[in-house]
N, C-alpha and C. Protein backbone atom coordinates (compact mmCIF):
# COMPACT_ATOMS: atom_id res chain seq x y z
N MET A 1 0.78 -1.13 0.15
CA MET A 1 -0.05 0.09 -0.05
C MET A 1 0.84 1.21 -0.17
N THR A 2 0.57 1.99 -0.77
CA THR A 2 1.35 3.51 -0.82
C THR A 2 0.66 4.42 -0.24
N GLY A 3 1.25 5.30 0.50
CA GLY A 3 0.78 6.34 1.33
C GLY A 3 0.48 7.57 0.59
N CYS A 4 -0.30 8.26 1.12
CA CYS A 4 -0.72 9.66 0.59
C CYS A 4 0.64 10.58 0.24
N ALA A 5 0.46 11.07 -0.95
CA ALA A 5 1.74 11.87 -1.40
C ALA A 5 1.77 13.04 -0.44
N SER A 6 3.04 13.45 -0.45
CA SER A 6 3.14 14.76 0.47
C SER A 6 2.85 15.90 -0.26
N PRO A 7 2.35 17.03 0.45
CA PRO A 7 1.79 18.32 -0.08
C PRO A 7 3.23 18.69 -0.98
N GLU A 8 2.92 19.43 -1.82
CA GLU A 8 3.91 19.91 -2.68
C GLU A 8 5.02 20.76 -1.88
N PHE A 9 6.42 20.49 -2.19
CA PHE A 9 7.42 21.40 -1.51
C PHE A 9 7.51 22.80 -2.25
N THR A 10 7.56 23.77 -1.27
CA THR A 10 7.62 25.10 -1.62
C THR A 10 8.57 25.89 -1.03
N ILE A 11 9.05 27.01 -1.64
CA ILE A 11 10.09 27.64 -1.19
C ILE A 11 9.52 29.15 -1.22
N THR A 12 9.63 29.89 -0.18
CA THR A 12 9.01 31.37 -0.09
C THR A 12 10.22 32.20 0.55
N THR A 13 10.11 33.43 0.06
CA THR A 13 11.13 34.41 0.63
C THR A 13 10.42 35.58 1.05
N GLU A 14 10.57 35.92 2.37
CA GLU A 14 9.93 37.03 3.05
C GLU A 14 10.94 38.05 3.44
N GLN A 15 10.63 39.56 3.46
CA GLN A 15 11.48 40.33 3.83
C GLN A 15 10.80 41.17 4.79
N ASP A 16 11.43 41.39 5.87
CA ASP A 16 10.86 41.98 6.96
C ASP A 16 11.39 43.56 7.12
N ALA A 17 10.90 44.50 6.68
CA ALA A 17 11.40 45.92 6.47
C ALA A 17 11.22 46.60 7.96
N TYR A 18 10.51 45.95 8.88
CA TYR A 18 10.53 46.49 10.29
C TYR A 18 11.75 45.93 11.25
N LYS A 19 12.37 44.97 10.84
CA LYS A 19 13.37 44.42 11.41
C LYS A 19 14.81 45.30 11.29
N SER A 20 15.57 45.54 12.47
CA SER A 20 16.47 46.67 12.28
C SER A 20 17.67 45.92 11.30
N ALA A 21 17.89 44.67 11.42
CA ALA A 21 18.94 43.89 10.58
C ALA A 21 18.30 43.90 9.09
N GLN A 22 17.26 44.17 8.79
CA GLN A 22 16.78 44.13 7.39
C GLN A 22 17.01 42.59 6.87
N SER A 23 16.44 41.73 7.53
CA SER A 23 16.85 40.22 7.15
C SER A 23 15.85 39.86 6.14
N VAL A 24 16.20 38.57 5.39
CA VAL A 24 15.41 38.04 4.39
C VAL A 24 15.25 36.68 5.02
N LEU A 25 14.09 36.26 5.03
CA LEU A 25 13.71 34.75 5.31
C LEU A 25 13.43 33.92 4.18
N VAL A 26 13.90 32.79 4.04
CA VAL A 26 13.68 32.03 3.09
C VAL A 26 13.29 30.74 3.62
N ARG A 27 12.16 30.19 3.41
CA ARG A 27 11.72 28.99 4.12
C ARG A 27 11.07 28.12 3.00
N GLY A 28 11.53 26.67 3.40
CA GLY A 28 10.90 25.60 2.54
C GLY A 28 9.85 25.00 3.45
N GLU A 29 8.80 24.65 2.70
CA GLU A 29 7.67 24.11 3.50
C GLU A 29 7.07 22.71 2.89
N ASN A 30 6.60 21.88 3.77
CA ASN A 30 6.13 20.46 3.28
C ASN A 30 7.02 19.49 2.86
N ASN A 31 8.20 19.26 3.65
CA ASN A 31 9.36 18.33 3.29
C ASN A 31 9.29 17.41 4.26
N ARG A 32 8.19 16.40 4.14
CA ARG A 32 7.85 15.20 4.61
C ARG A 32 9.13 14.14 4.33
N ILE A 33 9.77 13.69 5.55
CA ILE A 33 10.48 12.60 5.56
C ILE A 33 10.14 11.30 4.97
N SER A 34 8.95 10.87 5.55
CA SER A 34 8.27 9.71 5.30
C SER A 34 6.80 9.35 5.44
N THR A 35 6.39 8.58 4.64
CA THR A 35 4.98 8.24 5.00
C THR A 35 4.87 7.09 5.83
N ARG A 36 5.90 6.70 6.66
CA ARG A 36 5.98 5.67 7.68
C ARG A 36 5.32 6.17 9.06
N THR A 37 4.58 5.60 9.76
CA THR A 37 4.06 5.93 10.83
C THR A 37 4.97 5.32 11.97
N LEU A 38 4.76 6.06 13.35
CA LEU A 38 5.53 5.50 14.52
C LEU A 38 4.98 4.21 14.85
N MET A 39 3.92 3.68 14.50
CA MET A 39 3.36 2.43 14.70
C MET A 39 3.92 1.37 13.73
N GLY A 40 4.67 1.79 12.58
CA GLY A 40 5.01 0.88 11.44
C GLY A 40 4.09 0.85 10.37
N GLY A 41 2.85 1.53 10.59
CA GLY A 41 2.01 1.70 9.32
C GLY A 41 2.52 2.69 8.21
N THR A 42 1.44 3.14 7.41
CA THR A 42 1.58 4.01 6.33
C THR A 42 0.53 5.26 6.62
N HIS A 43 1.12 6.32 6.55
CA HIS A 43 0.38 7.58 6.61
C HIS A 43 -0.55 7.47 5.17
N ILE A 44 -1.82 7.74 5.28
CA ILE A 44 -2.64 7.72 4.06
C ILE A 44 -3.31 9.19 3.97
N ASP A 45 -2.57 10.12 4.88
CA ASP A 45 -3.22 11.52 4.93
C ASP A 45 -2.00 12.36 4.76
N GLN A 46 -2.10 13.54 5.38
CA GLN A 46 -0.98 14.63 5.20
C GLN A 46 -0.14 14.52 6.58
N LYS A 47 -0.31 13.64 7.54
CA LYS A 47 0.29 13.55 8.77
C LYS A 47 1.68 12.91 8.59
N GLY A 48 2.53 13.12 9.52
CA GLY A 48 3.82 12.75 9.51
C GLY A 48 4.73 13.66 10.00
N LEU A 49 6.09 13.48 9.94
CA LEU A 49 7.12 14.32 10.25
C LEU A 49 7.88 15.03 9.06
N TYR A 50 7.81 16.47 9.41
CA TYR A 50 8.14 17.35 8.45
C TYR A 50 9.45 18.14 8.79
N ILE A 51 10.43 18.04 8.00
CA ILE A 51 11.78 18.95 8.61
C ILE A 51 11.87 19.83 7.32
N ASP A 52 11.41 20.96 7.68
CA ASP A 52 11.52 22.26 6.55
C ASP A 52 12.68 23.15 6.78
N PRO A 53 13.45 23.19 5.81
CA PRO A 53 14.75 24.14 5.83
C PRO A 53 14.46 25.32 5.91
N TYR A 54 15.13 26.51 6.61
CA TYR A 54 14.95 27.76 6.62
C TYR A 54 16.53 28.27 6.51
N LEU A 55 16.35 29.58 5.97
CA LEU A 55 17.70 30.58 5.99
C LEU A 55 17.18 31.93 6.32
N GLU A 56 17.90 32.55 7.26
CA GLU A 56 17.76 33.88 7.44
C GLU A 56 19.08 34.64 6.98
N LYS A 57 19.15 35.49 6.18
CA LYS A 57 20.37 36.29 5.70
C LYS A 57 20.22 37.84 5.72
N ASP A 58 21.16 38.37 5.75
CA ASP A 58 21.08 39.97 5.92
C ASP A 58 20.70 40.34 4.56
N ARG A 59 20.03 41.11 4.48
CA ARG A 59 19.52 41.99 3.16
C ARG A 59 20.40 42.70 2.40
N GLN A 60 21.28 43.34 3.26
CA GLN A 60 22.63 44.21 2.50
C GLN A 60 23.60 43.33 2.12
N THR A 61 24.22 42.33 2.90
CA THR A 61 25.18 41.49 2.36
C THR A 61 24.91 40.17 1.96
N GLY A 62 23.99 39.71 2.06
CA GLY A 62 23.50 38.41 1.87
C GLY A 62 24.09 37.18 2.79
N ALA A 63 24.80 37.70 3.70
CA ALA A 63 25.52 36.60 4.76
C ALA A 63 24.44 36.04 5.36
N THR A 64 24.70 34.64 5.77
CA THR A 64 23.75 33.91 6.46
C THR A 64 23.74 34.21 7.92
N VAL A 65 22.61 34.51 8.47
CA VAL A 65 22.29 34.98 9.85
C VAL A 65 21.97 33.61 10.57
N ARG A 66 21.11 32.77 10.06
CA ARG A 66 20.57 31.44 10.88
C ARG A 66 20.27 30.75 9.51
N LEU A 67 20.63 29.43 9.93
CA LEU A 67 20.37 28.32 9.05
C LEU A 67 19.76 27.04 9.83
N GLY A 68 18.59 26.49 9.42
CA GLY A 68 18.33 25.24 10.04
C GLY A 68 16.87 24.68 9.58
N PHE A 69 16.17 24.08 10.47
CA PHE A 69 15.19 23.36 10.09
C PHE A 69 13.87 23.61 11.04
N ASN A 70 12.79 23.76 10.51
CA ASN A 70 11.58 24.01 11.20
C ASN A 70 11.02 22.50 11.42
N ILE A 71 10.80 22.02 12.44
CA ILE A 71 10.46 20.48 12.59
C ILE A 71 8.77 20.58 12.96
N ALA A 72 8.15 19.74 12.47
CA ALA A 72 6.79 19.73 12.83
C ALA A 72 6.40 18.23 12.67
N HIS A 73 5.82 17.55 13.65
CA HIS A 73 5.25 16.17 13.47
C HIS A 73 3.80 16.10 13.73
N ARG A 74 3.26 16.21 12.60
CA ARG A 74 1.61 16.19 12.63
C ARG A 74 1.05 15.02 12.72
N THR A 75 0.48 14.86 13.84
CA THR A 75 -0.38 13.50 14.31
C THR A 75 -1.74 13.86 14.85
N SER A 76 -2.19 12.74 15.65
CA SER A 76 -3.50 13.10 16.17
C SER A 76 -3.46 12.60 17.83
N ASN A 77 -4.27 13.05 18.60
CA ASN A 77 -4.52 12.91 19.93
C ASN A 77 -5.89 12.14 20.02
N ASP A 78 -5.88 10.69 20.34
CA ASP A 78 -7.37 10.12 20.27
C ASP A 78 -7.54 9.83 21.57
N TYR A 79 -7.06 10.19 22.64
CA TYR A 79 -7.40 10.16 24.17
C TYR A 79 -7.56 8.64 24.64
N ILE A 80 -7.06 7.54 23.81
CA ILE A 80 -7.23 6.27 24.20
C ILE A 80 -5.65 5.57 23.88
N GLY A 81 -4.75 6.21 24.37
CA GLY A 81 -3.36 5.49 24.29
C GLY A 81 -2.49 6.13 23.10
N SER A 82 -2.89 7.44 22.43
CA SER A 82 -2.22 7.99 21.39
C SER A 82 -0.83 8.22 21.52
N GLN A 83 -0.27 8.26 22.73
CA GLN A 83 1.22 8.48 22.71
C GLN A 83 1.94 7.53 22.07
N ARG A 84 1.44 6.42 21.74
CA ARG A 84 2.07 5.40 20.80
C ARG A 84 2.60 6.22 19.52
N MET A 85 1.80 7.33 19.05
CA MET A 85 1.97 8.07 17.70
C MET A 85 2.63 9.48 18.05
N GLN A 86 3.04 9.51 19.06
CA GLN A 86 3.83 10.76 19.47
C GLN A 86 5.04 10.66 19.91
N TYR A 87 6.05 11.42 19.54
CA TYR A 87 7.33 11.46 20.20
C TYR A 87 7.47 12.12 21.38
N GLY A 88 6.50 13.17 21.72
CA GLY A 88 6.43 14.02 22.93
C GLY A 88 7.47 15.29 22.45
N SER A 89 8.13 15.75 23.31
CA SER A 89 8.87 17.00 23.10
C SER A 89 10.18 16.33 22.38
N ILE A 90 10.34 16.77 20.90
CA ILE A 90 11.35 16.30 20.16
C ILE A 90 12.62 16.87 20.69
N LYS A 91 13.87 16.04 20.89
CA LYS A 91 14.89 16.41 21.44
C LYS A 91 16.03 16.52 20.33
N GLU A 92 16.07 15.44 19.52
CA GLU A 92 17.30 15.40 18.61
C GLU A 92 16.84 14.48 17.37
N ILE A 93 17.54 14.70 16.13
CA ILE A 93 17.26 14.20 15.05
C ILE A 93 18.69 13.80 14.33
N VAL A 94 19.06 12.63 14.22
CA VAL A 94 20.44 12.33 13.74
C VAL A 94 20.37 11.33 12.40
N PHE A 95 20.90 12.13 11.40
CA PHE A 95 20.73 11.51 10.06
C PHE A 95 22.06 10.68 10.00
N LYS A 96 21.79 9.62 9.22
CA LYS A 96 22.98 8.71 9.05
C LYS A 96 22.94 8.66 7.42
N THR A 97 24.06 9.12 6.86
CA THR A 97 24.21 9.20 5.35
C THR A 97 24.58 7.88 4.71
N ASP A 98 24.32 7.69 3.52
CA ASP A 98 24.78 6.28 3.12
C ASP A 98 26.18 6.01 3.02
N GLN A 99 27.28 6.97 3.42
CA GLN A 99 28.59 6.86 3.43
C GLN A 99 28.91 6.66 5.05
N GLY A 100 27.81 6.58 6.05
CA GLY A 100 28.12 6.30 7.22
C GLY A 100 28.18 7.63 8.19
N GLU A 101 28.26 8.58 7.57
CA GLU A 101 28.29 10.00 8.36
C GLU A 101 27.31 10.05 9.16
N LEU A 102 27.44 10.79 10.56
CA LEU A 102 26.30 11.27 11.28
C LEU A 102 26.18 12.70 11.33
N ILE A 103 24.89 13.02 11.16
CA ILE A 103 24.72 14.43 11.20
C ILE A 103 23.78 14.63 12.33
N ALA A 104 24.14 15.12 13.62
CA ALA A 104 23.24 15.30 14.66
C ALA A 104 22.63 16.75 14.93
N LEU A 105 21.35 16.85 15.09
CA LEU A 105 20.74 18.18 15.28
C LEU A 105 20.07 18.16 16.47
N GLN A 106 20.48 19.05 17.26
CA GLN A 106 19.67 19.29 18.59
C GLN A 106 18.42 20.09 18.31
N VAL A 107 17.39 19.70 18.89
CA VAL A 107 16.03 20.43 18.52
C VAL A 107 15.79 21.38 19.90
N THR A 108 15.51 22.42 19.73
CA THR A 108 15.24 23.67 20.78
C THR A 108 13.94 24.22 20.32
N ASP A 109 13.47 25.18 21.20
CA ASP A 109 12.27 25.82 20.89
C ASP A 109 11.08 24.86 20.90
N THR A 110 11.00 23.69 21.48
CA THR A 110 9.89 22.64 21.32
C THR A 110 8.64 23.24 21.80
N ALA A 111 7.60 22.68 21.26
CA ALA A 111 6.30 23.17 21.67
C ALA A 111 5.29 21.98 20.99
N ILE A 112 4.09 21.81 21.95
CA ILE A 112 3.11 21.07 21.31
C ILE A 112 1.67 21.73 21.11
N SER A 113 1.21 21.48 20.27
CA SER A 113 -0.28 22.29 20.22
C SER A 113 -1.16 21.27 19.46
N THR A 114 -2.50 21.60 20.11
CA THR A 114 -3.68 21.00 19.53
C THR A 114 -4.50 21.86 18.78
N ALA A 115 -5.32 21.10 18.19
CA ALA A 115 -6.53 22.06 17.17
C ALA A 115 -7.40 22.61 18.31
N GLY A 116 -7.51 22.30 19.45
CA GLY A 116 -8.51 23.08 20.34
C GLY A 116 -9.66 22.24 20.38
N HIS A 117 -10.28 21.44 19.90
CA HIS A 117 -11.39 20.96 19.73
C HIS A 117 -11.32 19.32 19.47
N ALA A 118 -12.11 18.49 19.98
CA ALA A 118 -11.99 17.14 19.77
C ALA A 118 -13.05 16.85 18.57
N ASN A 119 -12.74 15.82 17.79
CA ASN A 119 -13.78 15.15 16.81
C ASN A 119 -14.17 13.98 17.23
N ASP A 120 -15.60 13.72 17.66
CA ASP A 120 -16.03 12.57 18.24
C ASP A 120 -16.33 11.36 17.15
N ASN A 121 -15.86 10.40 17.45
CA ASN A 121 -16.13 9.23 16.64
C ASN A 121 -16.85 8.21 17.09
N PHE A 122 -18.26 8.73 17.25
CA PHE A 122 -19.26 7.77 17.92
C PHE A 122 -19.35 6.32 17.74
N MET A 123 -18.99 5.95 16.49
CA MET A 123 -18.96 4.34 16.04
C MET A 123 -18.04 3.85 17.02
N ALA A 124 -16.97 4.23 16.96
CA ALA A 124 -15.57 3.64 17.66
C ALA A 124 -15.53 4.04 19.20
N LYS A 125 -16.25 4.86 19.45
CA LYS A 125 -16.62 5.33 20.89
C LYS A 125 -15.19 6.11 21.44
N TYR A 126 -14.64 7.02 20.64
CA TYR A 126 -13.44 7.82 20.86
C TYR A 126 -13.38 9.07 20.26
N ALA A 127 -12.55 10.14 21.02
CA ALA A 127 -12.66 11.28 20.19
C ALA A 127 -11.08 11.67 19.85
N GLN A 128 -10.89 12.51 19.06
CA GLN A 128 -9.51 12.73 18.55
C GLN A 128 -9.50 14.16 17.97
N ASP A 129 -8.13 14.92 18.27
CA ASP A 129 -8.00 16.16 17.65
C ASP A 129 -6.45 16.05 17.10
N ALA A 130 -6.22 17.16 16.25
CA ALA A 130 -4.99 17.39 15.54
C ALA A 130 -4.14 17.76 16.72
N TYR A 131 -2.78 17.07 16.44
CA TYR A 131 -1.81 17.20 17.54
C TYR A 131 -0.54 17.54 16.61
N THR A 132 0.44 18.65 16.88
CA THR A 132 1.56 18.88 16.30
C THR A 132 2.59 19.15 17.55
N GLU A 133 3.76 18.42 17.02
CA GLU A 133 5.01 18.47 17.96
C GLU A 133 6.11 19.31 17.08
N ARG A 134 6.42 20.50 17.65
CA ARG A 134 7.14 21.23 16.88
C ARG A 134 8.57 21.68 17.44
N GLY A 135 9.32 22.06 16.57
CA GLY A 135 10.80 22.47 17.24
C GLY A 135 11.65 23.03 16.14
N ASN A 136 12.70 23.62 16.60
CA ASN A 136 13.61 24.16 15.61
C ASN A 136 14.97 23.39 15.74
N ALA A 137 15.79 23.28 14.76
CA ALA A 137 17.26 22.84 14.78
C ALA A 137 17.96 23.43 13.93
N ARG A 138 19.24 23.95 14.44
CA ARG A 138 20.10 24.79 13.64
C ARG A 138 20.99 23.73 12.92
N ILE A 139 21.62 24.15 11.84
CA ILE A 139 22.35 23.13 11.03
C ILE A 139 23.50 24.17 10.40
N THR A 140 24.74 23.55 10.50
CA THR A 140 25.88 24.53 9.90
C THR A 140 25.87 24.40 8.41
N PRO A 141 26.26 25.42 7.40
CA PRO A 141 26.21 25.11 6.10
C PRO A 141 27.13 23.98 5.62
N ALA A 142 27.97 23.24 6.32
CA ALA A 142 28.75 22.29 5.97
C ALA A 142 28.15 21.05 6.34
N ASP A 143 27.28 21.02 7.30
CA ASP A 143 26.43 19.69 7.43
C ASP A 143 25.45 19.69 6.51
N LEU A 144 24.55 20.88 6.34
CA LEU A 144 23.73 20.97 5.33
C LEU A 144 24.35 20.45 3.91
N ALA A 145 25.51 20.88 3.53
CA ALA A 145 26.09 20.19 2.37
C ALA A 145 26.34 18.75 2.32
N ARG A 146 26.67 18.36 3.40
CA ARG A 146 26.89 16.70 3.55
C ARG A 146 25.62 15.98 3.39
N LEU A 147 24.53 16.59 4.03
CA LEU A 147 23.01 16.17 3.90
C LEU A 147 22.63 16.03 2.46
N ALA A 148 22.80 17.12 1.77
CA ALA A 148 22.29 17.40 0.59
C ALA A 148 23.13 16.40 -0.49
N ASN A 149 24.47 16.37 0.00
CA ASN A 149 25.10 15.45 -1.10
C ASN A 149 25.06 13.87 -0.87
N ALA A 150 24.32 13.59 0.16
CA ALA A 150 24.10 12.19 0.19
C ALA A 150 23.16 11.54 -0.69
N ALA A 151 23.32 10.30 -1.04
CA ALA A 151 22.51 9.61 -1.90
C ALA A 151 21.37 9.02 -1.41
N ARG A 152 21.47 8.64 0.18
CA ARG A 152 20.35 8.16 0.85
C ARG A 152 20.68 8.43 2.29
N VAL A 153 19.68 8.45 3.02
CA VAL A 153 19.88 8.69 4.60
C VAL A 153 18.83 7.94 5.20
N SER A 154 19.05 7.55 6.63
CA SER A 154 18.17 7.23 7.52
C SER A 154 18.15 8.26 8.61
N ALA A 155 17.23 8.02 9.44
CA ALA A 155 17.14 9.16 10.52
C ALA A 155 16.54 8.64 11.73
N LYS A 156 16.96 9.00 13.03
CA LYS A 156 16.52 8.58 14.12
C LYS A 156 16.10 9.69 14.89
N VAL A 157 14.97 9.69 15.24
CA VAL A 157 14.12 10.98 15.93
C VAL A 157 14.25 10.57 17.34
N SER A 158 14.66 11.28 18.19
CA SER A 158 14.50 10.98 19.65
C SER A 158 13.62 12.14 20.46
N GLY A 159 12.57 11.58 21.04
CA GLY A 159 11.79 12.64 21.89
C GLY A 159 11.77 12.38 23.24
N SER A 160 10.84 12.86 23.95
CA SER A 160 10.46 12.66 25.53
C SER A 160 9.85 11.31 25.70
N ASN A 161 9.03 10.92 24.59
CA ASN A 161 8.30 9.71 25.14
C ASN A 161 8.75 8.64 24.26
N GLN A 162 9.35 8.81 23.27
CA GLN A 162 10.05 7.61 22.36
C GLN A 162 10.94 8.07 21.29
N SER A 163 11.61 7.20 20.80
CA SER A 163 12.42 7.23 19.65
C SER A 163 11.89 6.47 18.53
N PHE A 164 12.27 6.83 17.34
CA PHE A 164 11.96 6.33 16.29
C PHE A 164 13.11 6.17 15.09
N VAL A 165 13.36 5.19 14.10
CA VAL A 165 14.10 5.24 13.38
C VAL A 165 13.44 5.10 11.69
N TYR A 166 13.80 6.05 10.96
CA TYR A 166 13.33 6.13 9.64
C TYR A 166 14.42 5.51 8.67
N GLU A 167 14.22 4.04 8.37
CA GLU A 167 15.25 3.45 7.70
C GLU A 167 15.47 4.11 6.19
N GLU A 168 16.47 3.87 5.53
CA GLU A 168 16.80 4.41 4.08
C GLU A 168 15.48 4.03 3.29
N LYS A 169 14.97 2.82 3.29
CA LYS A 169 13.87 2.39 2.39
C LYS A 169 12.62 3.14 2.69
N ASP A 170 12.58 3.84 4.10
CA ASP A 170 11.34 4.48 4.39
C ASP A 170 11.37 6.04 4.03
N VAL A 171 12.48 6.56 3.79
CA VAL A 171 12.81 7.96 3.53
C VAL A 171 12.27 8.19 2.15
N GLU A 172 11.23 9.19 2.00
CA GLU A 172 10.72 9.56 0.63
C GLU A 172 12.09 10.25 -0.02
N PRO A 173 12.18 9.62 -1.47
CA PRO A 173 13.32 10.24 -2.46
C PRO A 173 13.02 11.95 -2.40
N ALA A 174 11.78 12.44 -2.50
CA ALA A 174 11.78 13.71 -2.45
C ALA A 174 12.21 14.62 -1.22
N PHE A 175 12.43 13.96 -0.22
CA PHE A 175 12.96 14.66 1.13
C PHE A 175 14.43 15.10 0.53
N LEU A 176 15.39 14.35 0.21
CA LEU A 176 16.64 14.72 -0.03
C LEU A 176 16.60 15.73 -1.19
N GLU A 177 15.94 15.47 -2.20
CA GLU A 177 15.74 16.11 -3.40
C GLU A 177 15.29 17.66 -2.99
N ASN A 178 14.64 18.03 -1.98
CA ASN A 178 13.96 19.11 -1.63
C ASN A 178 15.07 20.00 -0.88
N ILE A 179 15.80 19.13 -0.21
CA ILE A 179 17.20 19.73 0.74
C ILE A 179 18.24 20.42 -0.51
N ARG A 180 18.18 19.40 -1.27
CA ARG A 180 19.20 20.03 -2.51
C ARG A 180 18.72 21.06 -3.24
N LYS A 181 17.40 21.11 -3.71
CA LYS A 181 16.75 22.12 -4.50
C LYS A 181 17.08 23.68 -3.42
N PHE A 182 16.67 23.29 -2.20
CA PHE A 182 16.94 24.69 -1.34
C PHE A 182 18.09 25.20 -1.21
N LYS A 183 19.30 24.15 -1.04
CA LYS A 183 20.68 24.63 -0.75
C LYS A 183 21.01 25.13 -2.17
N GLU A 184 20.74 24.83 -3.38
CA GLU A 184 21.21 25.26 -4.60
C GLU A 184 20.33 26.71 -4.89
N ILE A 185 19.25 26.72 -4.62
CA ILE A 185 18.50 28.20 -4.95
C ILE A 185 19.08 29.02 -4.07
N ASN A 186 19.71 28.74 -2.72
CA ASN A 186 20.18 29.96 -1.91
C ASN A 186 21.83 29.84 -1.93
N GLY A 187 22.20 29.27 -2.94
CA GLY A 187 23.87 29.36 -3.12
C GLY A 187 24.58 28.79 -1.91
N LEU A 188 23.87 27.86 -1.19
CA LEU A 188 24.77 27.44 -0.11
C LEU A 188 25.74 26.36 -0.34
């Protein structure tokens, strides 16, 4: 069974004229790593772990101010043991390239949000709402280049509730293609 295709990866540029540094923010969105679920099944919806690249650069000089990934694990909270589908607070993501190189990203600024209302499933006798685990991970330009140059990767995601490994065969080919595209467009 094939999972639902990820939403289209987009790259947007925003300029903040009200910021004293006059920075430009370039964001990639919808870079889902896999259709694999934490329970070993397949997402047939838009849920999953998204690792979206961003770059903040100085508007005047073009120098990199910040480079990293916005992390969003989109899942649900079904109130009957849903922690099986949740990392909790995401702490770290470690990529292992096909060459055996490890690229460790520490995740900070973590937060968990819900839709604020539950959808009742009267037939199955439970309720659920949208649940997103978020964070931010900085990366160096050298590590971004190593990741972009990899032919394949696996990734271990560690959170306060559990860890999960996306094996090479589970990582969507578009995941690395999108990182390469982001790197090339921004001349990194």
